[in-house]
Protein backbone atom coordinates (compact mmCIF):
# COMPACT_ATOMS: atom_id res chain seq x y z
CA MET A 1 73.14 28.80 117.52
CA ASN A 2 72.07 31.93 119.44
CA ALA A 3 70.91 30.34 122.73
CA LEU A 4 69.99 31.48 126.23
CA LEU A 5 69.89 29.16 129.26
CA ILE A 6 67.47 30.24 132.01
CA VAL A 7 68.13 28.33 135.23
CA ASN A 8 66.15 28.11 138.44
CA PRO A 9 68.99 27.47 140.92
CA VAL A 10 66.66 26.05 143.57
CA SER A 11 64.61 23.65 141.44
CA GLY A 12 63.50 20.62 143.38
CA GLN A 13 63.47 22.82 146.52
CA THR A 14 67.19 22.27 147.19
CA GLU A 15 70.09 24.49 146.24
CA ASN A 16 72.80 22.56 144.42
CA PRO A 17 76.13 24.34 143.85
CA GLN A 18 77.00 21.81 141.14
CA LEU A 19 73.80 22.38 139.19
CA LEU A 20 75.02 25.05 136.81
CA PRO A 21 78.40 23.37 136.06
CA SER A 22 76.54 20.10 135.36
CA LEU A 23 74.11 21.81 133.00
CA LEU A 24 76.84 23.64 131.11
CA SER A 25 78.93 20.47 130.83
CA ALA A 26 75.97 18.49 129.44
CA LEU A 27 75.27 21.22 126.87
CA GLU A 28 78.94 21.65 125.89
CA ASP A 29 79.19 17.89 125.32
CA GLN A 30 76.64 18.44 122.55
CA ASP A 31 78.39 21.57 121.26
CA ILE A 32 75.73 23.96 122.59
CA GLN A 33 77.13 27.28 123.80
CA VAL A 34 74.77 29.41 125.85
CA GLU A 35 74.42 32.67 127.68
CA VAL A 36 73.19 32.04 131.24
CA LYS A 37 70.55 33.86 133.27
CA LEU A 38 69.35 32.81 136.73
CA THR A 39 65.83 33.23 138.06
CA THR A 40 65.26 34.89 141.43
CA PRO A 41 62.28 35.23 143.78
CA ASP A 42 61.53 38.53 142.00
CA GLN A 43 62.30 37.32 138.46
CA ASP A 44 60.56 34.06 137.49
CA GLY A 45 61.98 33.95 133.97
CA GLN A 46 59.10 35.35 131.92
CA ASP A 47 60.70 38.75 131.34
CA LEU A 48 64.09 37.13 130.64
CA ALA A 49 62.52 34.94 127.94
CA ALA A 50 60.49 37.79 126.43
CA SER A 51 63.58 40.01 126.24
CA ALA A 52 65.57 37.22 124.60
CA ALA A 53 62.88 36.68 121.97
CA GLU A 54 62.65 40.42 121.30
CA ASN A 55 66.42 40.48 120.74
CA GLY A 56 66.24 37.68 118.20
CA THR A 57 67.46 34.75 120.32
CA THR A 58 66.84 31.55 118.39
CA LEU A 59 66.63 29.11 121.29
CA VAL A 60 65.74 29.58 124.95
CA ILE A 61 66.51 26.60 127.18
CA VAL A 62 64.81 26.49 130.57
CA ALA A 63 66.23 24.36 133.38
CA GLY A 64 63.76 24.09 136.22
CA GLY A 65 60.46 22.72 137.42
CA ASP A 66 56.95 23.24 136.12
CA GLY A 67 56.58 26.73 137.57
CA THR A 68 59.78 27.98 135.93
CA ILE A 69 58.92 26.30 132.64
CA GLU A 70 55.47 27.92 132.66
CA ALA A 71 56.93 31.36 133.35
CA VAL A 72 59.53 31.10 130.57
CA ALA A 73 56.95 29.70 128.14
CA LYS A 74 54.67 32.71 128.73
CA GLY A 75 57.53 34.98 127.71
CA LEU A 76 57.78 33.20 124.35
CA ILE A 77 54.10 33.12 123.34
CA TYR A 78 53.54 34.16 119.70
CA THR A 79 57.29 34.38 119.00
CA GLN A 80 59.50 32.33 116.69
CA THR A 81 61.96 31.54 119.49
CA ILE A 82 62.17 27.82 120.23
CA LEU A 83 61.79 26.55 123.81
CA GLY A 84 64.00 23.70 125.00
CA ILE A 85 63.31 22.02 128.36
CA LEU A 86 65.69 20.51 130.90
CA PRO A 87 63.29 19.27 133.63
CA LEU A 88 64.70 19.65 137.15
CA GLY A 89 61.60 19.92 139.31
CA THR A 90 59.92 17.71 141.87
CA ARG A 91 57.02 16.67 139.62
CA ASN A 92 58.02 17.56 136.04
CA ASN A 93 54.44 17.27 134.79
CA ILE A 94 55.02 19.37 131.67
CA ALA A 95 58.01 17.28 130.63
CA ALA A 96 56.04 14.07 131.21
CA SER A 97 53.10 15.42 129.20
CA LEU A 98 55.46 16.19 126.30
CA ASN A 99 57.55 12.97 126.52
CA ILE A 100 60.69 14.88 127.48
CA PRO A 101 62.94 12.67 129.65
CA THR A 102 64.08 13.82 133.09
CA ASP A 103 67.54 12.33 132.48
CA LEU A 104 69.77 15.35 131.74
CA THR A 105 71.80 13.74 128.96
CA LYS A 106 68.65 12.56 127.18
CA ALA A 107 66.92 15.91 127.61
CA VAL A 108 69.91 17.66 126.01
CA ARG A 109 69.77 15.17 123.14
CA VAL A 110 66.13 16.20 122.58
CA ILE A 111 67.28 19.80 122.22
CA VAL A 112 69.99 18.76 119.74
CA GLU A 113 68.26 15.98 117.79
CA GLY A 114 64.58 16.77 118.38
CA GLU A 115 62.10 18.56 116.16
CA ASN A 116 60.41 21.94 116.46
CA CYS A 117 56.71 21.53 117.18
CA PRO A 118 53.94 24.00 117.99
CA ILE A 119 51.88 23.35 121.11
CA ASP A 120 48.67 24.90 122.42
CA LEU A 121 48.20 26.99 125.52
CA GLY A 122 45.00 27.75 127.36
CA LYS A 123 43.73 31.17 128.30
CA VAL A 124 41.34 32.10 131.10
CA GLN A 125 40.35 35.75 131.12
CA GLU A 126 43.79 37.34 130.46
CA HIS A 127 45.85 34.55 132.04
CA TYR A 128 47.68 31.93 129.95
CA PHE A 129 48.21 28.39 131.24
CA LEU A 130 49.98 25.25 130.06
CA GLU A 131 48.34 22.65 132.24
CA VAL A 132 44.95 23.19 133.87
CA VAL A 133 42.22 25.47 135.12
CA GLY A 134 40.42 24.30 138.26
CA ILE A 135 37.05 25.68 139.36
CA GLY A 136 35.59 25.05 142.80
CA LEU A 137 37.03 22.82 145.52
CA GLU A 138 40.53 22.46 144.09
CA ALA A 139 40.97 26.22 143.74
CA SER A 140 39.71 26.73 147.31
CA LEU A 141 42.30 24.23 148.60
CA PHE A 142 45.33 25.79 146.87
CA PRO A 143 45.93 28.48 149.54
CA CYS A 144 45.96 25.73 152.19
CA GLY A 145 48.48 23.77 150.15
CA ASP A 146 50.70 26.83 149.81
CA GLU A 147 50.50 27.37 153.57
CA VAL A 148 51.60 23.78 154.21
CA LYS A 149 54.55 24.09 151.81
CA GLU A 150 55.74 27.31 153.44
CA ALA A 151 55.37 25.82 156.92
CA VAL A 152 57.35 22.73 155.92
CA LYS A 153 60.16 24.89 154.51
CA LYS A 154 60.39 26.76 157.80
CA ASN A 155 59.97 23.63 159.94
CA SER A 156 57.14 25.55 161.51
CA LEU A 157 54.60 24.17 163.94
CA THR A 158 51.96 25.96 161.88
CA VAL A 159 52.06 23.05 159.41
CA VAL A 160 49.53 21.20 161.58
CA LYS A 161 47.24 24.24 161.63
CA SER A 162 47.53 24.55 157.83
CA ILE A 163 46.62 20.88 157.35
CA VAL A 164 43.64 21.26 159.67
CA ASN A 165 42.49 24.32 157.69
CA GLY A 166 42.75 22.31 154.49
CA LEU A 167 40.69 19.46 155.93
CA LYS A 168 38.05 21.91 157.14
CA THR A 169 37.86 23.45 153.66
CA PHE A 170 37.51 20.02 152.08
CA PHE A 171 34.78 18.74 154.38
CA ASN A 172 32.83 22.02 154.45
CA PHE A 173 32.84 22.55 150.70
CA LYS A 174 29.49 21.67 149.13
CA PRO A 175 28.67 20.75 145.52
CA HIS A 176 27.45 23.68 143.43
CA ARG A 177 25.27 24.05 140.36
CA LEU A 178 27.22 25.35 137.35
CA VAL A 179 26.40 26.16 133.76
CA LEU A 180 28.95 25.11 131.15
CA LYS A 181 28.62 26.34 127.58
CA LEU A 182 30.92 24.54 125.15
CA ASP A 183 31.91 26.26 121.89
CA GLY A 184 28.95 28.60 122.22
CA LYS A 185 26.46 25.80 121.61
CA ARG A 186 26.27 22.82 123.96
CA LYS A 187 25.11 23.57 127.50
CA HIS A 188 25.66 21.34 130.52
CA TYR A 189 24.37 21.85 134.05
CA PRO A 190 26.61 19.91 136.45
CA HIS A 191 26.02 19.79 140.18
CA THR A 192 29.59 19.15 141.26
CA LEU A 193 32.47 19.89 143.62
CA GLN A 194 34.78 21.04 140.88
CA VAL A 195 35.41 21.26 137.15
CA ASN A 196 38.84 20.86 135.58
CA ILE A 197 39.70 22.19 132.13
CA CYS A 198 42.93 20.54 130.98
CA ASN A 199 45.40 21.41 128.25
CA SER A 200 47.90 18.75 129.38
CA PRO A 201 47.32 15.16 130.47
CA ARG A 202 49.14 15.61 133.79
CA TYR A 203 49.38 18.32 136.46
CA GLY A 204 49.69 18.96 140.20
CA VAL A 205 50.82 16.02 142.33
CA GLU A 206 51.26 13.98 139.12
CA PHE A 207 47.49 13.88 138.54
CA ALA A 208 46.79 12.10 135.26
CA LEU A 209 43.31 13.55 135.30
CA ALA A 210 42.97 13.81 131.51
CA PRO A 211 45.28 11.04 130.21
CA GLN A 212 43.96 11.40 126.65
CA ALA A 213 44.54 15.17 126.50
CA LYS A 214 47.03 16.38 123.91
CA MET A 215 48.84 19.70 123.92
CA ASN A 216 48.65 20.07 120.14
CA ASP A 217 45.08 19.10 119.21
CA GLY A 218 43.51 22.57 119.35
CA LYS A 219 41.12 21.54 122.14
CA LEU A 220 40.78 21.54 125.92
CA ASP A 221 39.44 18.62 127.97
CA VAL A 222 36.61 19.34 130.43
CA ILE A 223 36.30 16.90 133.35
CA TYR A 224 33.89 16.68 136.28
CA ILE A 225 31.79 14.20 138.24
CA ASN A 226 28.09 15.01 138.34
CA HIS A 227 26.46 14.73 141.79
CA PRO A 228 29.64 13.40 143.45
CA SER A 229 30.18 12.36 147.03
CA LYS A 230 33.41 13.37 148.74
CA TRP A 231 34.40 9.70 148.52
CA ASP A 232 33.84 9.75 144.73
CA HIS A 233 36.06 12.81 144.52
CA LEU A 234 38.87 11.26 146.57
CA ARG A 235 38.74 7.99 144.62
CA HIS A 236 38.95 9.92 141.36
CA PHE A 237 42.03 11.87 142.41
CA PHE A 238 43.82 8.94 144.05
CA SER A 239 43.29 6.99 140.81
CA ALA A 240 44.64 9.95 138.83
CA MET A 241 47.72 10.11 141.09
CA ARG A 242 48.44 6.44 140.37
CA GLY A 243 47.83 6.89 136.65
CA GLN A 244 44.93 4.43 136.78
CA PRO A 245 41.65 4.81 134.90
CA PHE A 246 38.65 5.80 137.02
CA ILE A 247 35.33 4.31 136.00
CA HIS A 248 32.26 6.15 137.25
CA ALA A 249 28.82 6.41 135.68
CA ARG A 250 28.67 10.16 136.30
CA LEU A 251 32.24 11.04 135.31
CA LYS A 252 32.01 13.43 132.35
CA ASN A 253 34.73 14.28 129.84
CA TYR A 254 34.16 16.69 126.95
CA GLN A 255 36.39 18.51 124.50
CA ALA A 256 35.92 22.08 123.34
CA LYS A 257 37.81 25.07 122.03
CA MET A 258 35.98 27.53 124.28
CA ILE A 259 34.27 26.91 127.61
CA GLN A 260 32.10 29.48 129.37
CA VAL A 261 31.50 28.76 133.06
CA LYS A 262 28.87 30.33 135.28
CA SER A 263 27.82 29.41 138.81
CA TYR A 264 24.97 30.58 140.99
CA ILE A 265 27.48 31.37 143.75
CA PRO A 266 30.89 32.75 142.60
CA LEU A 267 33.49 29.98 142.82
CA GLU A 268 37.26 30.36 143.03
CA VAL A 269 39.34 29.64 139.95
CA HIS A 270 43.01 28.71 139.59
CA ALA A 271 45.20 28.40 136.49
CA ASP A 272 48.30 26.23 136.97
CA GLY A 273 48.05 26.81 140.70
CA HIS A 274 47.66 30.60 140.55
CA CYS A 275 44.42 32.21 141.72
CA VAL A 276 42.86 34.06 138.78
CA GLY A 277 39.57 35.17 140.30
CA HIS A 278 36.04 33.77 140.42
CA THR A 279 33.31 32.59 138.10
CA PRO A 280 31.92 33.57 135.66
CA ILE A 281 34.89 32.87 133.36
CA THR A 282 35.68 32.08 129.76
CA VAL A 283 38.41 29.54 129.02
CA GLU A 284 39.71 29.05 125.49
CA VAL A 285 42.47 27.21 123.72
CA VAL A 286 45.22 29.21 122.01
CA PRO A 287 46.35 26.94 119.16
CA ASN A 288 50.02 26.74 118.16
CA ALA A 289 50.95 29.45 120.67
CA LEU A 290 54.44 28.17 121.49
CA GLN A 291 57.28 26.62 119.51
CA ILE A 292 59.00 23.87 121.45
CA ARG A 293 61.71 21.24 120.89
CA LEU A 294 60.27 17.75 121.29
CA PRO A 295 61.69 14.24 120.79
CA THR A 296 61.28 12.70 117.35
CA PRO A 297 59.53 9.30 117.11
CA LYS A 298 62.96 7.72 116.60
CA LEU A 299 64.33 9.28 119.79
CA LEU A 300 61.23 8.26 121.73
CA GLU A 301 61.62 4.69 120.56
CA GLU A 302 65.29 4.69 121.57
CA PHE A 303 64.52 6.13 125.03
CA THR A 304 61.74 3.58 125.56
CA GLU A 305 64.02 0.68 124.66
CA THR A 306 66.77 2.02 126.93
CA GLN A 307 64.28 2.29 129.81
CA LYS A 308 63.08 -1.29 129.25
CA ILE A 309 66.65 -2.57 129.38
CA SER A 310 67.32 -0.55 132.54
CA ASN A 311 64.16 -1.90 134.20
CA ASN A 312 65.12 -5.46 133.33
CA ASN A 313 68.66 -4.95 134.64
CA PRO A 314 68.28 -2.84 137.79
CA HIS A 315 71.88 -3.52 138.90
CA SER A 316 73.51 -2.70 135.56
């Protein structure tokens, strides 16, 4: 098989000199021979994947976290090249959303024994996304989150300042009136802190904000709370972080292929954590945009049974 392995050598925020040998050993155990390319701060993997597809590579395997997976996936949109995933990140939301195990041996088995399946992507303006678009408060908070992460990496005293800035943004942000037009027909007029448009069931800090969302149903899930308090908002997201259902009379969840969003004051918008501008925007699903290797029902059943046995025998 003509295969390329794209590796983020600092996935999980730590550099591991044994990472590449471990990956190659796991693949060789399953008779997979690969060419290897490493991502860098200037090369996130998208161009590497696009070049591989253009040259007729059959399979591109990405070893990294959600950001690296997203970049490589964008390089393979509308191609016949298959994407295989070895999740190595801190959160691994995409792998979890697609039932790909984080255990390396099992993930390699999915590449060998799995099935090729098309999945959907989302598109906002000219930007593709795998997970989510956030409009409003969440998008305004992302720069603060990035500041905190950078400060933590540098052990900088500015981490406190960044956290304070984030808290100020949160408490100062007011609900806004928006106009949502779904599939060119249905209009909704939420007064809300934010709207999320999800392609995947999980994103961010393991938010299961749209647990029923599927990445192959040709639709996007639209979620917001109408007339929320800040406490409503926090309860919703803490519930999502724990994977627990959140019951609220004004929690709205719709599905649509295309969502047009307007606001009376321009609101910030992010797609998978990247700022993509301000409202007004149009978000649409891109059906069957990416070919990916996923576990078969038989493999899923086997992995589930193995996990049950492991949970029941923690010292085995």
